[in-house]
Amino acid sequence: MCSESSPVPDSLKVFQANTQRPVFSNPINTSLSGWNKEFSYLYGVDFTNFNQIGEWNISVFADSSTLASKTFTIQGGKALYQRLIINALLFYLVTKQTFPPFSILPYLVLYLIYRIIKKT
């Protein structure tokens, strides 16, 4: 978290987006020095231990102010690995040139793999 003044951040909390129910909290590290001339205070905000799937908001409490994030989503590994597998296969198929140039066959193979992964 960057700041141009020196509010003393107390803690951060993660809230479930649709209910605003707090589900995680953590203290904030003291100032880590400045980011640049405009933001001379930098604080470590750590929520790496939070990994629940869903939609969330983060709020940072400092003095009498509250800073809130936009809603963000944490998804499971399937959402990440589906696209990575397809990209890796496409890279392999295209760089190995096992098909004639401009062939649609690699794309059909990838589409079928994607459909199979999506169903599981």
PDB file of N, CA and C in Angstrom:
ATOM      1  N   MET A   1       0.853  -1.153   0.000  1.00  0.00           N
ATOM      2  CA  MET A   1       0.000   0.000   0.000  1.00  0.00           C
ATOM      3  C   MET A   1       0.905   1.224   0.000  1.00  0.00           C
ATOM      4  N   CYS A   2       0.636   2.176  -0.907  1.00  0.00           N
ATOM      5  CA  CYS A   2       1.404   3.418  -0.996  1.00  0.00           C
ATOM      6  C   CYS A   2       0.576   4.574  -0.456  1.00  0.00           C
ATOM      7  N   SER A   3       1.258   5.541   0.142  1.00  0.00           N
ATOM      8  CA  SER A   3       0.562   6.706   0.670  1.00  0.00           C
ATOM      9  C   SER A   3       1.466   7.927   0.579  1.00  0.00           C
ATOM     10  N   GLU A   4       0.837   9.090   0.379  1.00  0.00           N
ATOM     11  CA  GLU A   4       1.619  10.328   0.357  1.00  0.00           C
ATOM     12  C   GLU A   4       1.721  10.942   1.741  1.00  0.00           C
ATOM     13  N   SER A   5       0.861  10.525   2.665  1.00  0.00           N
ATOM     14  CA  SER A   5       0.943  10.981   4.054  1.00  0.00           C
ATOM     15  C   SER A   5       1.229   9.770   4.924  1.00  0.00           C
ATOM     16  N   SER A   6       1.251   9.967   6.208  1.00  0.00           N
ATOM     17  CA  SER A   6       1.640   8.853   7.075  1.00  0.00           C
ATOM     18  C   SER A   6       0.505   8.350   7.947  1.00  0.00           C
ATOM     19  N   PRO A   7      -0.579   7.867   7.341  1.00  0.00           N
ATOM     20  CA  PRO A   7      -1.571   7.217   8.194  1.00  0.00           C
ATOM     21  C   PRO A   7      -0.957   5.936   8.742  1.00  0.00           C
ATOM     22  N   VAL A   8      -1.326   5.584   9.924  1.00  0.00           N
ATOM     23  CA  VAL A   8      -0.772   4.373  10.517  1.00  0.00           C
ATOM     24  C   VAL A   8      -1.744   3.229  10.249  1.00  0.00           C
ATOM     25  N   PRO A   9      -1.409   2.371   9.271  1.00  0.00           N
ATOM     26  CA  PRO A   9      -2.328   1.278   8.975  1.00  0.00           C
ATOM     27  C   PRO A   9      -2.374   0.279  10.112  1.00  0.00           C
ATOM     28  N   ASP A  10      -3.545  -0.180  10.407  1.00  0.00           N
ATOM     29  CA  ASP A  10      -3.758  -1.096  11.515  1.00  0.00           C
ATOM     30  C   ASP A  10      -3.796  -2.538  11.010  1.00  0.00           C
ATOM     31  N   SER A  11      -4.733  -2.824  10.131  1.00  0.00           N
ATOM     32  CA  SER A  11      -4.898  -4.198   9.664  1.00  0.00           C
ATOM     33  C   SER A  11      -5.605  -4.211   8.322  1.00  0.00           C
ATOM     34  N   LEU A  12      -5.593  -5.367   7.712  1.00  0.00           N
ATOM     35  CA  LEU A  12      -6.371  -5.565   6.503  1.00  0.00           C
ATOM     36  C   LEU A  12      -7.367  -6.674   6.780  1.00  0.00           C
ATOM     37  N   LYS A  13      -8.495  -6.596   6.130  1.00  0.00           N
ATOM     38  CA  LYS A  13      -9.505  -7.641   6.236  1.00  0.00           C
ATOM     39  C   LYS A  13      -9.990  -7.983   4.843  1.00  0.00           C
ATOM     40  N   VAL A  14     -10.256  -9.269   4.637  1.00  0.00           N
ATOM     41  CA  VAL A  14     -10.839  -9.740   3.391  1.00  0.00           C
ATOM     42  C   VAL A  14     -12.301 -10.046   3.679  1.00  0.00           C
ATOM     43  N   PHE A  15     -13.181  -9.506   2.827  1.00  0.00           N
ATOM     44  CA  PHE A  15     -14.619  -9.681   2.991  1.00  0.00           C
ATOM     45  C   PHE A  15     -15.183 -10.452   1.812  1.00  0.00           C
ATOM     46  N   GLN A  16     -16.161 -11.305   2.087  1.00  0.00           N
ATOM     47  CA  GLN A  16     -16.890 -11.979   1.022  1.00  0.00           C
ATOM     48  C   GLN A  16     -17.667 -10.906   0.263  1.00  0.00           C
ATOM     49  N   ALA A  17     -17.559 -10.877  -1.051  1.00  0.00           N
ATOM     50  CA  ALA A  17     -18.092  -9.768  -1.845  1.00  0.00           C
ATOM     51  C   ALA A  17     -19.606  -9.615  -1.731  1.00  0.00           C
ATOM     52  N   ASN A  18     -20.342 -10.706  -1.764  1.00  0.00           N
ATOM     53  CA  ASN A  18     -21.805 -10.564  -1.784  1.00  0.00           C
ATOM     54  C   ASN A  18     -22.426 -10.349  -0.406  1.00  0.00           C
ATOM     55  N   THR A  19     -21.741 -10.757   0.671  1.00  0.00           N
ATOM     56  CA  THR A  19     -22.316 -10.592   2.011  1.00  0.00           C
ATOM     57  C   THR A  19     -21.578  -9.565   2.860  1.00  0.00           C
ATOM     58  N   GLN A  20     -20.388  -9.178   2.432  1.00  0.00           N
ATOM     59  CA  GLN A  20     -19.501  -8.289   3.194  1.00  0.00           C
ATOM     60  C   GLN A  20     -19.144  -8.868   4.567  1.00  0.00           C
ATOM     61  N   ARG A  21     -19.197 -10.192   4.682  1.00  0.00           N
ATOM     62  CA  ARG A  21     -18.804 -10.885   5.907  1.00  0.00           C
ATOM     63  C   ARG A  21     -17.287 -11.016   5.933  1.00  0.00           C
ATOM     64  N   PRO A  22     -16.610 -10.583   7.025  1.00  0.00           N
ATOM     65  CA  PRO A  22     -15.154 -10.735   7.093  1.00  0.00           C
ATOM     66  C   PRO A  22     -14.764 -12.209   7.212  1.00  0.00           C
ATOM     67  N   VAL A  23     -13.764 -12.613   6.433  1.00  0.00           N
ATOM     68  CA  VAL A  23     -13.339 -14.013   6.443  1.00  0.00           C
ATOM     69  C   VAL A  23     -11.850 -14.178   6.722  1.00  0.00           C
ATOM     70  N   PHE A  24     -11.092 -13.077   6.725  1.00  0.00           N
ATOM     71  CA  PHE A  24      -9.652 -13.164   6.938  1.00  0.00           C
ATOM     72  C   PHE A  24      -9.141 -11.797   7.376  1.00  0.00           C
ATOM     73  N   SER A  25      -8.187 -11.783   8.276  1.00  0.00           N
ATOM     74  CA  SER A  25      -7.550 -10.516   8.653  1.00  0.00           C
ATOM     75  C   SER A  25      -6.066 -10.773   8.908  1.00  0.00           C
ATOM     76  N   ASN A  26      -5.293  -9.702   8.794  1.00  0.00           N
ATOM     77  CA  ASN A  26      -3.852  -9.812   8.977  1.00  0.00           C
ATOM     78  C   ASN A  26      -3.314  -8.433   9.344  1.00  0.00           C
ATOM     79  N   PRO A  27      -2.302  -8.366  10.205  1.00  0.00           N
ATOM     80  CA  PRO A  27      -1.702  -7.054  10.489  1.00  0.00           C
ATOM     81  C   PRO A  27      -0.935  -6.554   9.272  1.00  0.00           C
ATOM     82  N   ILE A  28      -0.671  -5.254   9.238  1.00  0.00           N
ATOM     83  CA  ILE A  28       0.061  -4.643   8.138  1.00  0.00           C
ATOM     84  C   ILE A  28       1.468  -4.322   8.607  1.00  0.00           C
ATOM     85  N   ASN A  29       2.447  -4.614   7.761  1.00  0.00           N
ATOM     86  CA  ASN A  29       3.846  -4.310   8.093  1.00  0.00           C
ATOM     87  C   ASN A  29       4.035  -2.805   8.221  1.00  0.00           C
ATOM     88  N   THR A  30       4.924  -2.416   9.090  1.00  0.00           N
ATOM     89  CA  THR A  30       5.223  -0.990   9.230  1.00  0.00           C
ATOM     90  C   THR A  30       5.871  -0.486   7.950  1.00  0.00           C
ATOM     91  N   SER A  31       6.085   0.801   7.866  1.00  0.00           N
ATOM     92  CA  SER A  31       6.580   1.409   6.635  1.00  0.00           C
ATOM     93  C   SER A  31       7.854   0.733   6.131  1.00  0.00           C
ATOM     94  N   LEU A  32       7.870   0.447   4.841  1.00  0.00           N
ATOM     95  CA  LEU A  32       9.001  -0.210   4.198  1.00  0.00           C
ATOM     96  C   LEU A  32       9.860   0.792   3.443  1.00  0.00           C
ATOM     97  N   SER A  33       9.749   2.044   3.766  1.00  0.00           N
ATOM     98  CA  SER A  33      10.370   3.193   3.091  1.00  0.00           C
ATOM     99  C   SER A  33       9.435   3.678   1.998  1.00  0.00           C
ATOM    100  N   GLY A  34       9.907   4.521   1.147  1.00  0.00           N
ATOM    101  CA  GLY A  34       9.026   5.121   0.148  1.00  0.00           C
ATOM    102  C   GLY A  34       9.057   4.422  -1.191  1.00  0.00           C
ATOM    103  N   TRP A  35       8.015   4.668  -1.962  1.00  0.00           N
ATOM    104  CA  TRP A  35       7.918   4.125  -3.310  1.00  0.00           C
ATOM    105  C   TRP A  35       8.593   5.073  -4.292  1.00  0.00           C
ATOM    106  N   ASN A  36       8.237   6.355  -4.166  1.00  0.00           N
ATOM    107  CA  ASN A  36       8.860   7.409  -4.962  1.00  0.00           C
ATOM    108  C   ASN A  36       8.606   8.730  -4.253  1.00  0.00           C
ATOM    109  N   LYS A  37       8.905   9.852  -4.902  1.00  0.00           N
ATOM    110  CA  LYS A  37       8.733  11.148  -4.241  1.00  0.00           C
ATOM    111  C   LYS A  37       7.270  11.446  -3.932  1.00  0.00           C
ATOM    112  N   GLU A  38       6.378  10.984  -4.791  1.00  0.00           N
ATOM    113  CA  GLU A  38       4.953  11.253  -4.578  1.00  0.00           C
ATOM    114  C   GLU A  38       4.382  10.402  -3.452  1.00  0.00           C
ATOM    115  N   PHE A  39       4.797   9.148  -3.403  1.00  0.00           N
ATOM    116  CA  PHE A  39       4.319   8.234  -2.364  1.00  0.00           C
ATOM    117  C   PHE A  39       5.495   7.889  -1.457  1.00  0.00           C
ATOM    118  N   SER A  40       5.659   8.649  -0.399  1.00  0.00           N
ATOM    119  CA  SER A  40       6.828   8.470   0.458  1.00  0.00           C
ATOM    120  C   SER A  40       6.635   7.422   1.547  1.00  0.00           C
ATOM    121  N   TYR A  41       5.464   6.822   1.617  1.00  0.00           N
ATOM    122  CA  TYR A  41       5.201   5.768   2.599  1.00  0.00           C
ATOM    123  C   TYR A  41       4.728   4.517   1.866  1.00  0.00           C
ATOM    124  N   LEU A  42       5.320   3.408   2.199  1.00  0.00           N
ATOM    125  CA  LEU A  42       4.994   2.133   1.576  1.00  0.00           C
ATOM    126  C   LEU A  42       4.808   1.099   2.679  1.00  0.00           C
ATOM    127  N   TYR A  43       3.685   0.401   2.659  1.00  0.00           N
ATOM    128  CA  TYR A  43       3.363  -0.592   3.689  1.00  0.00           C
ATOM    129  C   TYR A  43       3.139  -1.949   3.037  1.00  0.00           C
ATOM    130  N   GLY A  44       3.605  -2.990   3.705  1.00  0.00           N
ATOM    131  CA  GLY A  44       3.408  -4.343   3.210  1.00  0.00           C
ATOM    132  C   GLY A  44       2.043  -4.875   3.586  1.00  0.00           C
ATOM    133  N   VAL A  45       1.254  -5.207   2.596  1.00  0.00           N
ATOM    134  CA  VAL A  45      -0.080  -5.776   2.805  1.00  0.00           C
ATOM    135  C   VAL A  45      -0.026  -7.218   2.310  1.00  0.00           C
ATOM    136  N   ASP A  46      -0.145  -8.158   3.221  1.00  0.00           N
ATOM    137  CA  ASP A  46       0.059  -9.563   2.881  1.00  0.00           C
ATOM    138  C   ASP A  46      -1.201 -10.379   3.150  1.00  0.00           C
ATOM    139  N   PHE A  47      -1.734 -10.971   2.092  1.00  0.00           N
ATOM    140  CA  PHE A  47      -2.841 -11.906   2.272  1.00  0.00           C
ATOM    141  C   PHE A  47      -2.572 -13.189   1.483  1.00  0.00           C
ATOM    142  N   THR A  48      -1.286 -13.566   1.398  1.00  0.00           N
ATOM    143  CA  THR A  48      -0.913 -14.764   0.646  1.00  0.00           C
ATOM    144  C   THR A  48      -1.457 -16.046   1.281  1.00  0.00           C
ATOM    145  N   ASN A  49      -1.757 -16.037   2.569  1.00  0.00           N
ATOM    146  CA  ASN A  49      -2.315 -17.232   3.210  1.00  0.00           C
ATOM    147  C   ASN A  49      -3.801 -17.402   2.930  1.00  0.00           C
ATOM    148  N   PHE A  50      -4.389 -16.431   2.267  1.00  0.00           N
ATOM    149  CA  PHE A  50      -5.816 -16.518   1.948  1.00  0.00           C
ATOM    150  C   PHE A  50      -5.965 -17.090   0.545  1.00  0.00           C
ATOM    151  N   ASN A  51      -6.641 -18.231   0.421  1.00  0.00           N
ATOM    152  CA  ASN A  51      -6.764 -18.872  -0.888  1.00  0.00           C
ATOM    153  C   ASN A  51      -8.138 -19.496  -1.120  1.00  0.00           C
ATOM    154  N   GLN A  52      -9.155 -18.957  -0.526  1.00  0.00           N
ATOM    155  CA  GLN A  52     -10.498 -19.493  -0.700  1.00  0.00           C
ATOM    156  C   GLN A  52     -11.058 -19.065  -2.054  1.00  0.00           C
ATOM    157  N   ILE A  53     -11.682 -19.995  -2.751  1.00  0.00           N
ATOM    158  CA  ILE A  53     -12.290 -19.705  -4.042  1.00  0.00           C
ATOM    159  C   ILE A  53     -13.529 -18.845  -3.817  1.00  0.00           C
ATOM    160  N   GLY A  54     -13.697 -17.824  -4.645  1.00  0.00           N
ATOM    161  CA  GLY A  54     -14.865 -16.961  -4.547  1.00  0.00           C
ATOM    162  C   GLY A  54     -14.549 -15.530  -4.962  1.00  0.00           C
ATOM    163  N   GLU A  55     -15.482 -14.627  -4.662  1.00  0.00           N
ATOM    164  CA  GLU A  55     -15.309 -13.210  -4.956  1.00  0.00           C
ATOM    165  C   GLU A  55     -15.140 -12.458  -3.650  1.00  0.00           C
ATOM    166  N   TRP A  56     -14.148 -11.539  -3.623  1.00  0.00           N
ATOM    167  CA  TRP A  56     -13.729 -10.922  -2.380  1.00  0.00           C
ATOM    168  C   TRP A  56     -13.439  -9.434  -2.552  1.00  0.00           C
ATOM    169  N   ASN A  57     -13.414  -8.733  -1.429  1.00  0.00           N
ATOM    170  CA  ASN A  57     -12.958  -7.352  -1.338  1.00  0.00           C
ATOM    171  C   ASN A  57     -11.954  -7.294  -0.192  1.00  0.00           C
ATOM    172  N   ILE A  58     -10.977  -6.408  -0.327  1.00  0.00           N
ATOM    173  CA  ILE A  58     -10.023  -6.183   0.751  1.00  0.00           C
ATOM    174  C   ILE A  58     -10.217  -4.772   1.264  1.00  0.00           C
ATOM    175  N   SER A  59     -10.207  -4.625   2.579  1.00  0.00           N
ATOM    176  CA  SER A  59     -10.245  -3.300   3.193  1.00  0.00           C
ATOM    177  C   SER A  59      -9.034  -3.149   4.092  1.00  0.00           C
ATOM    178  N   VAL A  60      -8.419  -1.968   4.027  1.00  0.00           N
ATOM    179  CA  VAL A  60      -7.287  -1.628   4.884  1.00  0.00           C
ATOM    180  C   VAL A  60      -7.752  -0.530   5.814  1.00  0.00           C
ATOM    181  N   PHE A  61      -7.540  -0.725   7.094  1.00  0.00           N
ATOM    182  CA  PHE A  61      -7.976   0.231   8.101  1.00  0.00           C
ATOM    183  C   PHE A  61      -6.765   1.014   8.600  1.00  0.00           C
ATOM    184  N   ALA A  62      -6.821   2.342   8.458  1.00  0.00           N
ATOM    185  CA  ALA A  62      -5.715   3.206   8.875  1.00  0.00           C
ATOM    186  C   ALA A  62      -6.284   4.428   9.571  1.00  0.00           C
ATOM    187  N   ASP A  63      -5.909   4.614  10.831  1.00  0.00           N
ATOM    188  CA  ASP A  63      -6.437   5.714  11.645  1.00  0.00           C
ATOM    189  C   ASP A  63      -7.963   5.679  11.568  1.00  0.00           C
ATOM    190  N   SER A  64      -8.572   6.737  11.096  1.00  0.00           N
ATOM    191  CA  SER A  64     -10.037   6.752  11.002  1.00  0.00           C
ATOM    192  C   SER A  64     -10.505   6.531   9.566  1.00  0.00           C
ATOM    193  N   SER A  65      -9.610   6.103   8.687  1.00  0.00           N
ATOM    194  CA  SER A  65      -9.951   5.895   7.274  1.00  0.00           C
ATOM    195  C   SER A  65      -9.994   4.414   6.939  1.00  0.00           C
ATOM    196  N   THR A  66     -10.770   4.117   5.922  1.00  0.00           N
ATOM    197  CA  THR A  66     -10.823   2.761   5.390  1.00  0.00           C
ATOM    198  C   THR A  66     -10.600   2.830   3.888  1.00  0.00           C
ATOM    199  N   LEU A  67      -9.665   2.026   3.402  1.00  0.00           N
ATOM    200  CA  LEU A  67      -9.404   1.921   1.971  1.00  0.00           C
ATOM    201  C   LEU A  67      -9.925   0.572   1.512  1.00  0.00           C
ATOM    202  N   ALA A  68     -10.750   0.569   0.474  1.00  0.00           N
ATOM    203  CA  ALA A  68     -11.356  -0.681   0.017  1.00  0.00           C
ATOM    204  C   ALA A  68     -10.978  -0.968  -1.431  1.00  0.00           C
ATOM    205  N   SER A  69     -10.762  -2.232  -1.720  1.00  0.00           N
ATOM    206  CA  SER A  69     -10.423  -2.648  -3.081  1.00  0.00           C
ATOM    207  C   SER A  69     -11.689  -2.869  -3.891  1.00  0.00           C
ATOM    208  N   LYS A  70     -11.500  -3.016  -5.175  1.00  0.00           N
ATOM    209  CA  LYS A  70     -12.578  -3.490  -6.033  1.00  0.00           C
ATOM    210  C   LYS A  70     -12.723  -4.988  -5.798  1.00  0.00           C
ATOM    211  N   THR A  71     -13.827  -5.539  -6.218  1.00  0.00           N
ATOM    212  CA  THR A  71     -14.059  -6.972  -6.077  1.00  0.00           C
ATOM    213  C   THR A  71     -13.090  -7.732  -6.977  1.00  0.00           C
ATOM    214  N   PHE A  72     -12.509  -8.798  -6.442  1.00  0.00           N
ATOM    215  CA  PHE A  72     -11.639  -9.657  -7.245  1.00  0.00           C
ATOM    216  C   PHE A  72     -12.043 -11.109  -7.018  1.00  0.00           C
ATOM    217  N   THR A  73     -11.634 -11.974  -7.921  1.00  0.00           N
ATOM    218  CA  THR A  73     -12.024 -13.374  -7.894  1.00  0.00           C
ATOM    219  C   THR A  73     -10.805 -14.260  -7.710  1.00  0.00           C
ATOM    220  N   ILE A  74     -10.944 -15.262  -6.857  1.00  0.00           N
ATOM    221  CA  ILE A  74      -9.945 -16.319  -6.734  1.00  0.00           C
ATOM    222  C   ILE A  74     -10.593 -17.580  -7.284  1.00  0.00           C
ATOM    223  N   GLN A  75      -9.946 -18.173  -8.285  1.00  0.00           N
ATOM    224  CA  GLN A  75     -10.474 -19.383  -8.903  1.00  0.00           C
ATOM    225  C   GLN A  75      -9.579 -20.559  -8.566  1.00  0.00           C
ATOM    226  N   GLY A  76     -10.091 -21.744  -8.802  1.00  0.00           N
ATOM    227  CA  GLY A  76      -9.327 -22.957  -8.554  1.00  0.00           C
ATOM    228  C   GLY A  76      -8.309 -23.211  -9.653  1.00  0.00           C
ATOM    229  N   GLY A  77      -7.518 -24.237  -9.463  1.00  0.00           N
ATOM    230  CA  GLY A  77      -6.474 -24.578 -10.414  1.00  0.00           C
ATOM    231  C   GLY A  77      -6.991 -24.911 -11.795  1.00  0.00           C
ATOM    232  N   LYS A  78      -8.189 -25.465 -11.882  1.00  0.00           N
ATOM    233  CA  LYS A  78      -8.744 -25.846 -13.181  1.00  0.00           C
ATOM    234  C   LYS A  78      -8.828 -24.636 -14.097  1.00  0.00           C
ATOM    235  N   ALA A  79      -9.274 -23.507 -13.583  1.00  0.00           N
ATOM    236  CA  ALA A  79      -9.414 -22.303 -14.401  1.00  0.00           C
ATOM    237  C   ALA A  79      -8.052 -21.844 -14.923  1.00  0.00           C
ATOM    238  N   LEU A  80      -7.019 -22.000 -14.130  1.00  0.00           N
ATOM    239  CA  LEU A  80      -5.678 -21.595 -14.548  1.00  0.00           C
ATOM    240  C   LEU A  80      -5.084 -22.591 -15.532  1.00  0.00           C
ATOM    241  N   TYR A  81      -5.149 -23.873 -15.207  1.00  0.00           N
ATOM    242  CA  TYR A  81      -4.454 -24.872 -15.999  1.00  0.00           C
ATOM    243  C   TYR A  81      -5.114 -25.178 -17.327  1.00  0.00           C
ATOM    244  N   GLN A  82      -6.417 -24.968 -17.464  1.00  0.00           N
ATOM    245  CA  GLN A  82      -7.064 -25.199 -18.759  1.00  0.00           C
ATOM    246  C   GLN A  82      -6.392 -24.365 -19.838  1.00  0.00           C
ATOM    247  N   ARG A  83      -6.284 -23.082 -19.593  1.00  0.00           N
ATOM    248  CA  ARG A  83      -5.699 -22.197 -20.593  1.00  0.00           C
ATOM    249  C   ARG A  83      -4.211 -22.486 -20.785  1.00  0.00           C
ATOM    250  N   LEU A  84      -3.485 -22.795 -19.698  1.00  0.00           N
ATOM    251  CA  LEU A  84      -2.054 -23.086 -19.823  1.00  0.00           C
ATOM    252  C   LEU A  84      -1.810 -24.330 -20.668  1.00  0.00           C
ATOM    253  N   ILE A  85      -2.626 -25.358 -20.471  1.00  0.00           N
ATOM    254  CA  ILE A  85      -2.453 -26.593 -21.236  1.00  0.00           C
ATOM    255  C   ILE A  85      -2.706 -26.330 -22.712  1.00  0.00           C
ATOM    256  N   ILE A  86      -3.755 -25.604 -23.009  1.00  0.00           N
ATOM    257  CA  ILE A  86      -4.075 -25.308 -24.407  1.00  0.00           C
ATOM    258  C   ILE A  86      -2.971 -24.475 -25.042  1.00  0.00           C
ATOM    259  N   ASN A  87      -2.478 -23.454 -24.341  1.00  0.00           N
ATOM    260  CA  ASN A  87      -1.405 -22.627 -24.883  1.00  0.00           C
ATOM    261  C   ASN A  87      -0.131 -23.444 -25.102  1.00  0.00           C
ATOM    262  N   ALA A  88       0.189 -24.318 -24.169  1.00  0.00           N
ATOM    263  CA  ALA A  88       1.387 -25.154 -24.316  1.00  0.00           C
ATOM    264  C   ALA A  88       1.247 -26.096 -25.504  1.00  0.00           C
ATOM    265  N   LEU A  89       0.085 -26.709 -25.665  1.00  0.00           N
ATOM    266  CA  LEU A  89      -0.125 -27.603 -26.805  1.00  0.00           C
ATOM    267  C   LEU A  89      -0.078 -26.850 -28.128  1.00  0.00           C
ATOM    268  N   LEU A  90      -0.687 -25.690 -28.161  1.00  0.00           N
ATOM    269  CA  LEU A  90      -0.657 -24.887 -29.382  1.00  0.00           C
ATOM    270  C   LEU A  90       0.783 -24.497 -29.724  1.00  0.00           C
ATOM    271  N   PHE A  91       1.547 -24.060 -28.738  1.00  0.00           N
ATOM    272  CA  PHE A  91       2.946 -23.711 -28.956  1.00  0.00           C
ATOM    273  C   PHE A  91       3.710 -24.908 -29.512  1.00  0.00           C
ATOM    274  N   TYR A  92       3.504 -26.072 -28.907  1.00  0.00           N
ATOM    275  CA  TYR A  92       4.197 -27.278 -29.356  1.00  0.00           C
ATOM    276  C   TYR A  92       3.815 -27.617 -30.793  1.00  0.00           C
ATOM    277  N   LEU A  93       2.519 -27.604 -31.083  1.00  0.00           N
ATOM    278  CA  LEU A  93       2.072 -27.975 -32.423  1.00  0.00           C
ATOM    279  C   LEU A  93       2.584 -27.005 -33.481  1.00  0.00           C
ATOM    280  N   VAL A  94       2.570 -25.727 -33.178  1.00  0.00           N
ATOM    281  CA  VAL A  94       2.986 -24.729 -34.157  1.00  0.00           C
ATOM    282  C   VAL A  94       4.501 -24.724 -34.341  1.00  0.00           C
ATOM    283  N   THR A  95       5.256 -24.818 -33.247  1.00  0.00           N
ATOM    284  CA  THR A  95       6.710 -24.732 -33.365  1.00  0.00           C
ATOM    285  C   THR A  95       7.335 -26.007 -33.920  1.00  0.00           C
ATOM    286  N   LYS A  96       6.701 -27.133 -33.726  1.00  0.00           N
ATOM    287  CA  LYS A  96       7.239 -28.386 -34.259  1.00  0.00           C
ATOM    288  C   LYS A  96       6.918 -28.534 -35.748  1.00  0.00           C
ATOM    289  N   GLN A  97       6.039 -27.717 -36.259  1.00  0.00           N
ATOM    290  CA  GLN A  97       5.650 -27.714 -37.671  1.00  0.00           C
ATOM    291  C   GLN A  97       5.323 -29.124 -38.153  1.00  0.00           C
ATOM    292  N   THR A  98       4.537 -29.821 -37.352  1.00  0.00           N
ATOM    293  CA  THR A  98       4.134 -31.178 -37.733  1.00  0.00           C
ATOM    294  C   THR A  98       2.972 -31.151 -38.713  1.00  0.00           C
ATOM    295  N   PHE A  99       2.441 -29.971 -38.974  1.00  0.00           N
ATOM    296  CA  PHE A  99       1.331 -29.826 -39.897  1.00  0.00           C
ATOM    297  C   PHE A  99       1.720 -28.825 -40.975  1.00  0.00           C
ATOM    298  N   PRO A 100       1.076 -28.903 -42.131  1.00  0.00           N
ATOM    299  CA  PRO A 100       1.373 -27.914 -43.179  1.00  0.00           C
ATOM    300  C   PRO A 100       1.072 -26.498 -42.681  1.00  0.00           C
ATOM    301  N   PRO A 101       1.768 -25.503 -43.207  1.00  0.00           N
ATOM    302  CA  PRO A 101       1.496 -24.117 -42.790  1.00  0.00           C
ATOM    303  C   PRO A 101       0.027 -23.766 -42.992  1.00  0.00           C
ATOM    304  N   PHE A 102      -0.517 -23.007 -42.079  1.00  0.00           N
ATOM    305  CA  PHE A 102      -1.905 -22.536 -42.109  1.00  0.00           C
ATOM    306  C   PHE A 102      -2.918 -23.671 -42.017  1.00  0.00           C
ATOM    307  N   SER A 103      -2.488 -24.817 -41.513  1.00  0.00           N
ATOM    308  CA  SER A 103      -3.395 -25.941 -41.345  1.00  0.00           C
ATOM    309  C   SER A 103      -4.331 -25.661 -40.179  1.00  0.00           C
ATOM    310  N   ILE A 104      -5.557 -26.074 -40.312  1.00  0.00           N
ATOM    311  CA  ILE A 104      -6.536 -25.888 -39.247  1.00  0.00           C
ATOM    312  C   ILE A 104      -6.513 -27.062 -38.274  1.00  0.00           C
ATOM    313  N   LEU A 105      -5.815 -28.126 -38.616  1.00  0.00           N
ATOM    314  CA  LEU A 105      -5.803 -29.325 -37.787  1.00  0.00           C
ATOM    315  C   LEU A 105      -5.325 -29.079 -36.360  1.00  0.00           C
ATOM    316  N   PRO A 106      -4.233 -28.307 -36.115  1.00  0.00           N
ATOM    317  CA  PRO A 106      -3.837 -28.083 -34.715  1.00  0.00           C
ATOM    318  C   PRO A 106      -4.929 -27.401 -33.898  1.00  0.00           C
ATOM    319  N   TYR A 107      -5.646 -26.497 -34.525  1.00  0.00           N
ATOM    320  CA  TYR A 107      -6.707 -25.788 -33.809  1.00  0.00           C
ATOM    321  C   TYR A 107      -7.875 -26.713 -33.496  1.00  0.00           C
ATOM    322  N   LEU A 108      -8.167 -27.626 -34.386  1.00  0.00           N
ATOM    323  CA  LEU A 108      -9.227 -28.601 -34.122  1.00  0.00           C
ATOM    324  C   LEU A 108      -8.824 -29.530 -32.973  1.00  0.00           C
ATOM    325  N   VAL A 109      -7.566 -29.957 -32.978  1.00  0.00           N
ATOM    326  CA  VAL A 109      -7.083 -30.815 -31.889  1.00  0.00           C
ATOM    327  C   VAL A 109      -7.193 -30.083 -30.554  1.00  0.00           C
ATOM    328  N   LEU A 110      -6.751 -28.827 -30.527  1.00  0.00           N
ATOM    329  CA  LEU A 110      -6.825 -28.043 -29.295  1.00  0.00           C
ATOM    330  C   LEU A 110      -8.261 -27.821 -28.845  1.00  0.00           C
ATOM    331  N   TYR A 111      -9.146 -27.577 -29.785  1.00  0.00           N
ATOM    332  CA  TYR A 111     -10.546 -27.378 -29.439  1.00  0.00           C
ATOM    333  C   TYR A 111     -11.122 -28.640 -28.802  1.00  0.00           C
ATOM    334  N   LEU A 112     -10.803 -29.788 -29.349  1.00  0.00           N
ATOM    335  CA  LEU A 112     -11.300 -31.043 -28.775  1.00  0.00           C
ATOM    336  C   LEU A 112     -10.735 -31.273 -27.374  1.00  0.00           C
ATOM    337  N   ILE A 113      -9.455 -30.984 -27.202  1.00  0.00           N
ATOM    338  CA  ILE A 113      -8.844 -31.117 -25.863  1.00  0.00           C
ATOM    339  C   ILE A 113      -9.518 -30.170 -24.891  1.00  0.00           C
ATOM    340  N   TYR A 114      -9.747 -28.939 -25.321  1.00  0.00           N
ATOM    341  CA  TYR A 114     -10.425 -27.952 -24.468  1.00  0.00           C
ATOM    342  C   TYR A 114     -11.803 -28.434 -24.050  1.00  0.00           C
ATOM    343  N   ARG A 115     -12.563 -28.976 -24.989  1.00  0.00           N
ATOM    344  CA  ARG A 115     -13.913 -29.474 -24.670  1.00  0.00           C
ATOM    345  C   ARG A 115     -13.854 -30.621 -23.653  1.00  0.00           C
ATOM    346  N   ILE A 116     -12.864 -31.483 -23.801  1.00  0.00           N
ATOM    347  CA  ILE A 116     -12.721 -32.619 -22.864  1.00  0.00           C
ATOM    348  C   ILE A 116     -12.360 -32.093 -21.476  1.00  0.00           C
ATOM    349  N   ILE A 117     -11.418 -31.160 -21.393  1.00  0.00           N
ATOM    350  CA  ILE A 117     -11.009 -30.604 -20.104  1.00  0.00           C
ATOM    351  C   ILE A 117     -12.162 -29.865 -19.455  1.00  0.00           C
ATOM    352  N   LYS A 118     -12.897 -29.121 -20.235  1.00  0.00           N
ATOM    353  CA  LYS A 118     -13.997 -28.311 -19.683  1.00  0.00           C
ATOM    354  C   LYS A 118     -15.081 -29.193 -19.069  1.00  0.00           C
ATOM    355  N   LYS A 119     -15.293 -30.381 -19.606  1.00  0.00           N
ATOM    356  CA  LYS A 119     -16.331 -31.273 -19.075  1.00  0.00           C
ATOM    357  C   LYS A 119     -15.914 -31.934 -17.765  1.00  0.00           C
ATOM    358  N   THR A 120     -14.610 -32.036 -17.511  1.00  0.00           N
ATOM    359  CA  THR A 120     -14.164 -32.714 -16.295  1.00  0.00           C
ATOM    360  C   THR A 120     -14.176 -31.796 -15.108  1.00  0.00           C
TER     361      THR A 120
END
